[in-house]
Amino acid sequence: MPASANVGGNPTDQQIQLPIYSIELAEEGEPKNSPQYAVQTYIENFNERDFEEMRKVLSDNFTNQGLNRDGSLTAVQTIDDLRTLMSGQEVIAPDSQNNVITVTEVNDKYATVELVTGPEGQRWKEMITLVKVGNGWKIEKIFWSFV
């Protein structure tokens, strides 16, 4: 609910409605309710094999699909497929990851983000669609290709 304030202090003066927002800051300075924070949480925890932390920023309708180097599409993956994929991968600490996150569009319902990640020589780009859920963002769809 917006707060109100008297301009000039006189009860007959015009009142202004001021919206009040709560923004929680992440450790690196990104608000925890930003699309950047959701993508950062996803990729860092994916690389650390921490499915439960990563799951917090994935939509229940999450899908992931990619374009192989030969031009063929991968199968569409769900949350459970992603959990299986993560179980056998190498752990990479956040300070060793080279993640570049760029927000390309944000509105009141959706956001799109480009993520470039992966070790040198094996980097890939993810185009990520997020949906607004409550005061935060959840990753709905990822489409990736090698760069």
N, C-alpha and C. Protein backbone atom coordinates (compact mmCIF):
# COMPACT_ATOMS: atom_id res chain seq x y z
N MET A 1 0.85 -1.17 0.00
CA MET A 1 0.00 0.00 0.00
C MET A 1 0.89 1.23 0.00
N PRO A 2 0.61 2.21 -0.89
CA PRO A 2 1.43 3.41 -0.94
C PRO A 2 1.31 4.24 0.33
N ALA A 3 2.39 4.86 0.72
CA ALA A 3 2.37 5.79 1.85
C ALA A 3 1.98 7.17 1.33
N SER A 4 1.39 8.00 2.18
CA SER A 4 1.08 9.36 1.74
C SER A 4 1.85 10.36 2.58
N ALA A 5 2.06 11.51 1.98
CA ALA A 5 2.78 12.58 2.67
C ALA A 5 2.16 13.91 2.28
N ASN A 6 2.07 14.81 3.24
CA ASN A 6 1.58 16.16 2.95
C ASN A 6 2.71 16.98 2.36
N VAL A 7 2.39 17.70 1.29
CA VAL A 7 3.36 18.62 0.71
C VAL A 7 3.14 19.96 1.41
N GLY A 8 4.17 20.51 2.00
CA GLY A 8 4.06 21.80 2.68
C GLY A 8 3.63 21.68 4.13
N GLY A 9 3.19 20.52 4.58
CA GLY A 9 2.85 20.32 5.98
C GLY A 9 1.47 20.83 6.38
N ASN A 10 0.78 21.54 5.53
CA ASN A 10 -0.54 22.07 5.83
C ASN A 10 -1.58 21.03 5.42
N PRO A 11 -2.56 20.67 6.30
CA PRO A 11 -3.55 19.65 5.96
C PRO A 11 -4.36 19.96 4.71
N THR A 12 -4.44 21.20 4.31
CA THR A 12 -5.19 21.54 3.10
C THR A 12 -4.35 21.43 1.84
N ASP A 13 -3.03 21.28 2.01
CA ASP A 13 -2.15 21.12 0.85
C ASP A 13 -2.40 19.77 0.19
N GLN A 14 -1.99 19.66 -1.06
CA GLN A 14 -2.15 18.44 -1.85
C GLN A 14 -1.36 17.29 -1.22
N GLN A 15 -1.94 16.08 -1.22
CA GLN A 15 -1.24 14.89 -0.73
C GLN A 15 -0.67 14.13 -1.91
N ILE A 16 0.51 13.53 -1.71
CA ILE A 16 1.18 12.75 -2.73
C ILE A 16 1.27 11.31 -2.26
N GLN A 17 0.92 10.36 -3.12
CA GLN A 17 1.07 8.94 -2.81
C GLN A 17 2.46 8.49 -3.22
N LEU A 18 3.22 7.92 -2.29
CA LEU A 18 4.57 7.45 -2.56
C LEU A 18 4.60 5.92 -2.47
N PRO A 19 4.94 5.24 -3.55
CA PRO A 19 5.04 3.78 -3.45
C PRO A 19 6.26 3.39 -2.63
N ILE A 20 6.12 2.31 -1.87
CA ILE A 20 7.23 1.81 -1.07
C ILE A 20 7.60 0.44 -1.60
N TYR A 21 8.88 0.25 -1.93
CA TYR A 21 9.37 -1.00 -2.47
C TYR A 21 10.39 -1.60 -1.52
N SER A 22 10.38 -2.90 -1.43
CA SER A 22 11.39 -3.59 -0.64
C SER A 22 12.32 -4.31 -1.60
N ILE A 23 13.61 -3.97 -1.55
CA ILE A 23 14.60 -4.61 -2.41
C ILE A 23 15.66 -5.23 -1.51
N GLU A 24 15.84 -6.55 -1.63
CA GLU A 24 16.86 -7.24 -0.86
C GLU A 24 18.08 -7.41 -1.75
N LEU A 25 19.24 -6.98 -1.28
CA LEU A 25 20.44 -7.04 -2.09
C LEU A 25 21.15 -8.37 -1.93
N ALA A 26 21.64 -8.89 -3.04
CA ALA A 26 22.45 -10.11 -3.03
C ALA A 26 23.87 -9.74 -2.62
N GLU A 27 24.68 -10.76 -2.38
CA GLU A 27 26.05 -10.53 -1.93
C GLU A 27 26.84 -9.67 -2.91
N GLU A 28 26.68 -9.87 -4.20
CA GLU A 28 27.47 -9.15 -5.19
C GLU A 28 26.82 -7.84 -5.62
N GLY A 29 25.74 -7.41 -4.96
CA GLY A 29 25.14 -6.13 -5.26
C GLY A 29 23.89 -6.18 -6.12
N GLU A 30 23.54 -7.34 -6.68
CA GLU A 30 22.31 -7.44 -7.46
C GLU A 30 21.14 -7.64 -6.51
N PRO A 31 20.02 -6.94 -6.74
CA PRO A 31 18.83 -7.19 -5.91
C PRO A 31 18.39 -8.64 -6.08
N LYS A 32 17.99 -9.27 -4.97
CA LYS A 32 17.57 -10.67 -5.01
C LYS A 32 16.28 -10.85 -5.81
N ASN A 33 15.58 -9.77 -6.11
CA ASN A 33 14.36 -9.89 -6.89
C ASN A 33 14.58 -9.42 -8.33
N SER A 34 15.81 -9.51 -8.84
CA SER A 34 16.10 -9.09 -10.21
C SER A 34 16.28 -10.30 -11.13
N PRO A 35 16.04 -10.14 -12.42
CA PRO A 35 16.31 -11.24 -13.36
C PRO A 35 17.79 -11.67 -13.33
N GLN A 36 18.71 -10.72 -13.17
CA GLN A 36 20.14 -11.04 -13.12
C GLN A 36 20.44 -11.99 -11.96
N TYR A 37 19.85 -11.71 -10.81
CA TYR A 37 20.09 -12.55 -9.63
C TYR A 37 19.58 -13.97 -9.88
N ALA A 38 18.40 -14.10 -10.49
CA ALA A 38 17.85 -15.44 -10.77
C ALA A 38 18.78 -16.22 -11.69
N VAL A 39 19.29 -15.57 -12.73
CA VAL A 39 20.19 -16.25 -13.68
C VAL A 39 21.52 -16.57 -13.00
N GLN A 40 22.04 -15.66 -12.21
CA GLN A 40 23.29 -15.91 -11.49
C GLN A 40 23.11 -17.09 -10.53
N THR A 41 22.01 -17.13 -9.82
CA THR A 41 21.73 -18.24 -8.89
C THR A 41 21.65 -19.55 -9.65
N TYR A 42 20.97 -19.54 -10.78
CA TYR A 42 20.84 -20.75 -11.61
C TYR A 42 22.22 -21.26 -12.06
N ILE A 43 23.01 -20.43 -12.72
CA ILE A 43 24.24 -20.92 -13.34
C ILE A 43 25.31 -21.27 -12.29
N GLU A 44 25.42 -20.47 -11.25
CA GLU A 44 26.42 -20.78 -10.22
C GLU A 44 26.10 -22.10 -9.53
N ASN A 45 24.84 -22.32 -9.21
CA ASN A 45 24.47 -23.57 -8.54
C ASN A 45 24.45 -24.76 -9.48
N PHE A 46 24.16 -24.52 -10.76
CA PHE A 46 24.29 -25.59 -11.76
C PHE A 46 25.73 -26.07 -11.80
N ASN A 47 26.67 -25.14 -11.86
CA ASN A 47 28.09 -25.49 -11.93
C ASN A 47 28.64 -26.05 -10.62
N GLU A 48 27.98 -25.75 -9.51
CA GLU A 48 28.42 -26.31 -8.23
C GLU A 48 27.66 -27.60 -7.88
N ARG A 49 26.78 -28.02 -8.77
CA ARG A 49 25.94 -29.22 -8.58
C ARG A 49 25.05 -29.11 -7.35
N ASP A 50 24.54 -27.92 -7.07
CA ASP A 50 23.63 -27.72 -5.95
C ASP A 50 22.21 -27.56 -6.51
N PHE A 51 21.57 -28.70 -6.76
CA PHE A 51 20.26 -28.69 -7.40
C PHE A 51 19.22 -27.95 -6.56
N GLU A 52 19.21 -28.17 -5.26
CA GLU A 52 18.17 -27.57 -4.41
C GLU A 52 18.22 -26.04 -4.44
N GLU A 53 19.42 -25.46 -4.40
CA GLU A 53 19.54 -24.00 -4.50
C GLU A 53 19.13 -23.52 -5.89
N MET A 54 19.55 -24.23 -6.92
CA MET A 54 19.21 -23.85 -8.29
C MET A 54 17.69 -23.94 -8.51
N ARG A 55 17.07 -24.95 -7.94
CA ARG A 55 15.63 -25.19 -8.12
C ARG A 55 14.79 -24.00 -7.67
N LYS A 56 15.29 -23.24 -6.70
CA LYS A 56 14.55 -22.10 -6.17
C LYS A 56 14.25 -21.04 -7.22
N VAL A 57 15.04 -20.99 -8.30
CA VAL A 57 14.84 -19.97 -9.33
C VAL A 57 14.30 -20.55 -10.63
N LEU A 58 13.87 -21.81 -10.61
CA LEU A 58 13.29 -22.44 -11.80
C LEU A 58 11.78 -22.51 -11.68
N SER A 59 11.09 -22.17 -12.75
CA SER A 59 9.64 -22.28 -12.82
C SER A 59 9.24 -23.76 -12.82
N ASP A 60 8.04 -24.05 -12.38
CA ASP A 60 7.52 -25.42 -12.45
C ASP A 60 7.38 -25.88 -13.89
N ASN A 61 7.29 -24.95 -14.83
CA ASN A 61 7.16 -25.26 -16.26
C ASN A 61 8.50 -25.18 -16.99
N PHE A 62 9.60 -25.22 -16.27
CA PHE A 62 10.94 -25.07 -16.84
C PHE A 62 11.21 -26.08 -17.96
N THR A 63 11.81 -25.56 -19.06
CA THR A 63 12.33 -26.42 -20.12
C THR A 63 13.67 -25.87 -20.59
N ASN A 64 14.49 -26.78 -21.10
CA ASN A 64 15.84 -26.46 -21.56
C ASN A 64 16.06 -27.23 -22.86
N GLN A 65 16.50 -26.53 -23.90
CA GLN A 65 16.79 -27.19 -25.18
C GLN A 65 17.97 -26.46 -25.82
N GLY A 66 18.76 -27.20 -26.61
CA GLY A 66 19.92 -26.58 -27.21
C GLY A 66 20.14 -26.98 -28.65
N LEU A 67 21.08 -26.28 -29.25
CA LEU A 67 21.48 -26.52 -30.63
C LEU A 67 22.89 -27.09 -30.61
N ASN A 68 23.03 -28.35 -31.04
CA ASN A 68 24.33 -29.00 -31.09
C ASN A 68 25.21 -28.37 -32.16
N ARG A 69 26.49 -28.65 -32.09
CA ARG A 69 27.44 -28.11 -33.07
C ARG A 69 27.11 -28.56 -34.50
N ASP A 70 26.48 -29.72 -34.65
CA ASP A 70 26.13 -30.21 -35.99
C ASP A 70 24.81 -29.64 -36.51
N GLY A 71 24.18 -28.76 -35.72
CA GLY A 71 22.94 -28.13 -36.15
C GLY A 71 21.68 -28.85 -35.70
N SER A 72 21.82 -30.00 -35.09
CA SER A 72 20.64 -30.73 -34.60
C SER A 72 20.22 -30.19 -33.24
N LEU A 73 18.94 -30.33 -32.94
CA LEU A 73 18.41 -29.89 -31.65
C LEU A 73 18.52 -31.02 -30.63
N THR A 74 18.79 -30.65 -29.40
CA THR A 74 18.76 -31.63 -28.32
C THR A 74 17.31 -31.90 -27.96
N ALA A 75 17.08 -32.95 -27.21
CA ALA A 75 15.74 -33.20 -26.68
C ALA A 75 15.41 -32.10 -25.67
N VAL A 76 14.14 -31.80 -25.52
CA VAL A 76 13.70 -30.83 -24.52
C VAL A 76 13.88 -31.47 -23.14
N GLN A 77 14.53 -30.73 -22.25
CA GLN A 77 14.77 -31.23 -20.90
C GLN A 77 13.85 -30.54 -19.90
N THR A 78 13.44 -31.29 -18.89
CA THR A 78 12.64 -30.76 -17.79
C THR A 78 13.53 -30.60 -16.57
N ILE A 79 12.95 -30.20 -15.47
CA ILE A 79 13.70 -30.05 -14.21
C ILE A 79 14.35 -31.37 -13.81
N ASP A 80 13.61 -32.48 -13.92
CA ASP A 80 14.17 -33.78 -13.53
C ASP A 80 15.33 -34.18 -14.42
N ASP A 81 15.24 -33.87 -15.72
CA ASP A 81 16.36 -34.15 -16.63
C ASP A 81 17.59 -33.35 -16.23
N LEU A 82 17.38 -32.11 -15.83
CA LEU A 82 18.49 -31.25 -15.43
C LEU A 82 19.16 -31.81 -14.17
N ARG A 83 18.36 -32.29 -13.24
CA ARG A 83 18.93 -32.89 -12.02
C ARG A 83 19.83 -34.08 -12.38
N THR A 84 19.39 -34.93 -13.30
CA THR A 84 20.17 -36.08 -13.74
C THR A 84 21.47 -35.64 -14.41
N LEU A 85 21.37 -34.64 -15.29
CA LEU A 85 22.54 -34.11 -15.98
C LEU A 85 23.59 -33.60 -14.99
N MET A 86 23.14 -32.92 -13.95
CA MET A 86 24.04 -32.32 -12.98
C MET A 86 24.78 -33.36 -12.15
N SER A 87 24.20 -34.51 -11.96
CA SER A 87 24.77 -35.49 -11.03
C SER A 87 26.17 -35.97 -11.44
N GLY A 88 26.48 -35.97 -12.74
CA GLY A 88 27.77 -36.47 -13.16
C GLY A 88 28.76 -35.43 -13.63
N GLN A 89 28.44 -34.17 -13.45
CA GLN A 89 29.31 -33.12 -13.98
C GLN A 89 30.37 -32.68 -12.98
N GLU A 90 31.40 -32.06 -13.50
CA GLU A 90 32.49 -31.50 -12.68
C GLU A 90 31.97 -30.29 -11.91
N VAL A 91 32.42 -30.14 -10.67
CA VAL A 91 32.05 -28.98 -9.85
C VAL A 91 32.99 -27.82 -10.18
N ILE A 92 32.39 -26.64 -10.44
CA ILE A 92 33.16 -25.44 -10.73
C ILE A 92 32.70 -24.36 -9.76
N ALA A 93 33.61 -23.89 -8.91
CA ALA A 93 33.28 -22.85 -7.93
C ALA A 93 32.94 -21.54 -8.64
N PRO A 94 32.05 -20.71 -8.05
CA PRO A 94 31.65 -19.44 -8.69
C PRO A 94 32.82 -18.55 -9.08
N ASP A 95 33.87 -18.49 -8.26
CA ASP A 95 34.99 -17.60 -8.60
C ASP A 95 35.82 -18.11 -9.77
N SER A 96 35.59 -19.35 -10.20
CA SER A 96 36.27 -19.90 -11.37
C SER A 96 35.38 -19.90 -12.62
N GLN A 97 34.13 -19.50 -12.44
CA GLN A 97 33.20 -19.44 -13.57
C GLN A 97 33.39 -18.12 -14.29
N ASN A 98 33.20 -18.15 -15.58
CA ASN A 98 33.32 -16.94 -16.39
C ASN A 98 31.95 -16.65 -17.00
N ASN A 99 31.00 -16.24 -16.16
CA ASN A 99 29.62 -16.01 -16.58
C ASN A 99 29.41 -14.56 -16.95
N VAL A 100 28.83 -14.32 -18.12
CA VAL A 100 28.49 -12.97 -18.56
C VAL A 100 26.98 -12.92 -18.71
N ILE A 101 26.33 -12.12 -17.88
CA ILE A 101 24.87 -12.04 -17.84
C ILE A 101 24.44 -10.68 -18.36
N THR A 102 23.59 -10.68 -19.41
CA THR A 102 23.10 -9.44 -20.01
C THR A 102 21.58 -9.49 -20.09
N VAL A 103 20.91 -8.57 -19.41
CA VAL A 103 19.45 -8.47 -19.50
C VAL A 103 19.12 -7.79 -20.81
N THR A 104 18.29 -8.44 -21.64
CA THR A 104 17.95 -7.86 -22.94
C THR A 104 16.57 -7.22 -22.95
N GLU A 105 15.69 -7.62 -22.03
CA GLU A 105 14.36 -7.01 -21.95
C GLU A 105 13.73 -7.35 -20.61
N VAL A 106 13.00 -6.38 -20.05
CA VAL A 106 12.26 -6.60 -18.81
C VAL A 106 10.94 -5.84 -18.91
N ASN A 107 9.85 -6.51 -18.55
CA ASN A 107 8.59 -5.80 -18.36
C ASN A 107 7.97 -6.33 -17.07
N ASP A 108 6.69 -6.04 -16.83
CA ASP A 108 6.10 -6.43 -15.55
C ASP A 108 5.76 -7.91 -15.45
N LYS A 109 5.87 -8.67 -16.54
CA LYS A 109 5.53 -10.10 -16.51
C LYS A 109 6.68 -11.01 -16.94
N TYR A 110 7.51 -10.55 -17.87
CA TYR A 110 8.57 -11.38 -18.45
C TYR A 110 9.88 -10.62 -18.50
N ALA A 111 10.96 -11.39 -18.57
CA ALA A 111 12.28 -10.81 -18.81
C ALA A 111 13.04 -11.79 -19.70
N THR A 112 13.95 -11.27 -20.51
CA THR A 112 14.84 -12.12 -21.28
C THR A 112 16.27 -11.73 -20.95
N VAL A 113 17.10 -12.76 -20.83
CA VAL A 113 18.49 -12.57 -20.42
C VAL A 113 19.36 -13.44 -21.31
N GLU A 114 20.52 -12.90 -21.68
CA GLU A 114 21.52 -13.68 -22.41
C GLU A 114 22.64 -14.02 -21.42
N LEU A 115 22.98 -15.29 -21.37
CA LEU A 115 24.06 -15.77 -20.51
C LEU A 115 25.11 -16.43 -21.39
N VAL A 116 26.36 -15.99 -21.27
CA VAL A 116 27.48 -16.66 -21.94
C VAL A 116 28.30 -17.29 -20.84
N THR A 117 28.56 -18.60 -20.95
CA THR A 117 29.21 -19.34 -19.88
C THR A 117 30.02 -20.50 -20.44
N GLY A 118 30.69 -21.20 -19.56
CA GLY A 118 31.46 -22.38 -19.94
C GLY A 118 32.95 -22.09 -20.01
N PRO A 119 33.76 -23.14 -19.95
CA PRO A 119 35.21 -22.96 -20.02
C PRO A 119 35.65 -22.53 -21.41
N GLU A 120 36.81 -21.89 -21.48
CA GLU A 120 37.35 -21.45 -22.79
C GLU A 120 37.41 -22.65 -23.74
N GLY A 121 37.01 -22.42 -24.98
CA GLY A 121 37.00 -23.47 -25.99
C GLY A 121 35.72 -24.29 -25.99
N GLN A 122 34.91 -24.15 -24.93
CA GLN A 122 33.64 -24.88 -24.84
C GLN A 122 32.51 -23.97 -24.39
N ARG A 123 32.63 -22.68 -24.67
CA ARG A 123 31.63 -21.73 -24.19
C ARG A 123 30.32 -21.86 -24.98
N TRP A 124 29.25 -21.53 -24.31
CA TRP A 124 27.95 -21.53 -24.95
C TRP A 124 27.15 -20.33 -24.48
N LYS A 125 26.10 -20.00 -25.27
CA LYS A 125 25.21 -18.89 -24.98
C LYS A 125 23.84 -19.45 -24.67
N GLU A 126 23.23 -18.95 -23.62
CA GLU A 126 21.88 -19.34 -23.25
C GLU A 126 20.97 -18.12 -23.37
N MET A 127 19.89 -18.28 -24.11
CA MET A 127 18.84 -17.26 -24.15
C MET A 127 17.78 -17.72 -23.16
N ILE A 128 17.55 -16.93 -22.14
CA ILE A 128 16.73 -17.34 -21.00
C ILE A 128 15.50 -16.45 -20.90
N THR A 129 14.34 -17.08 -20.79
CA THR A 129 13.09 -16.38 -20.56
C THR A 129 12.69 -16.60 -19.11
N LEU A 130 12.43 -15.51 -18.41
CA LEU A 130 12.01 -15.57 -17.01
C LEU A 130 10.59 -15.03 -16.88
N VAL A 131 9.87 -15.52 -15.88
CA VAL A 131 8.53 -15.02 -15.58
C VAL A 131 8.53 -14.41 -14.19
N LYS A 132 7.76 -13.35 -14.03
CA LYS A 132 7.63 -12.69 -12.74
C LYS A 132 6.73 -13.55 -11.86
N VAL A 133 7.21 -13.90 -10.68
CA VAL A 133 6.43 -14.69 -9.72
C VAL A 133 6.52 -13.96 -8.38
N GLY A 134 5.41 -13.40 -7.94
CA GLY A 134 5.42 -12.61 -6.71
C GLY A 134 6.36 -11.44 -6.86
N ASN A 135 7.35 -11.33 -5.98
CA ASN A 135 8.30 -10.23 -6.01
C ASN A 135 9.61 -10.61 -6.69
N GLY A 136 9.69 -11.82 -7.25
CA GLY A 136 10.95 -12.26 -7.85
C GLY A 136 10.75 -12.81 -9.25
N TRP A 137 11.77 -13.49 -9.74
CA TRP A 137 11.78 -14.03 -11.11
C TRP A 137 12.12 -15.51 -11.09
N LYS A 138 11.48 -16.27 -11.98
CA LYS A 138 11.75 -17.70 -12.15
C LYS A 138 12.10 -17.95 -13.62
N ILE A 139 13.05 -18.84 -13.83
CA ILE A 139 13.45 -19.20 -15.19
C ILE A 139 12.45 -20.18 -15.76
N GLU A 140 11.88 -19.81 -16.89
CA GLU A 140 10.85 -20.61 -17.55
C GLU A 140 11.45 -21.46 -18.68
N LYS A 141 12.24 -20.82 -19.53
CA LYS A 141 12.77 -21.52 -20.69
C LYS A 141 14.22 -21.10 -20.95
N ILE A 142 14.99 -22.09 -21.38
CA ILE A 142 16.37 -21.83 -21.80
C ILE A 142 16.56 -22.45 -23.18
N PHE A 143 17.14 -21.67 -24.08
CA PHE A 143 17.58 -22.21 -25.36
C PHE A 143 19.05 -21.85 -25.49
N TRP A 144 19.90 -22.85 -25.72
CA TRP A 144 21.34 -22.61 -25.76
C TRP A 144 21.95 -23.06 -27.08
N SER A 145 23.11 -22.47 -27.36
CA SER A 145 23.91 -22.88 -28.51
C SER A 145 25.36 -22.58 -28.21
N PHE A 146 26.27 -23.32 -28.85
CA PHE A 146 27.69 -23.08 -28.64
C PHE A 146 28.09 -21.78 -29.34
N VAL A 147 29.10 -21.10 -28.78
CA VAL A 147 29.59 -19.86 -29.40
C VAL A 147 30.97 -20.11 -30.00
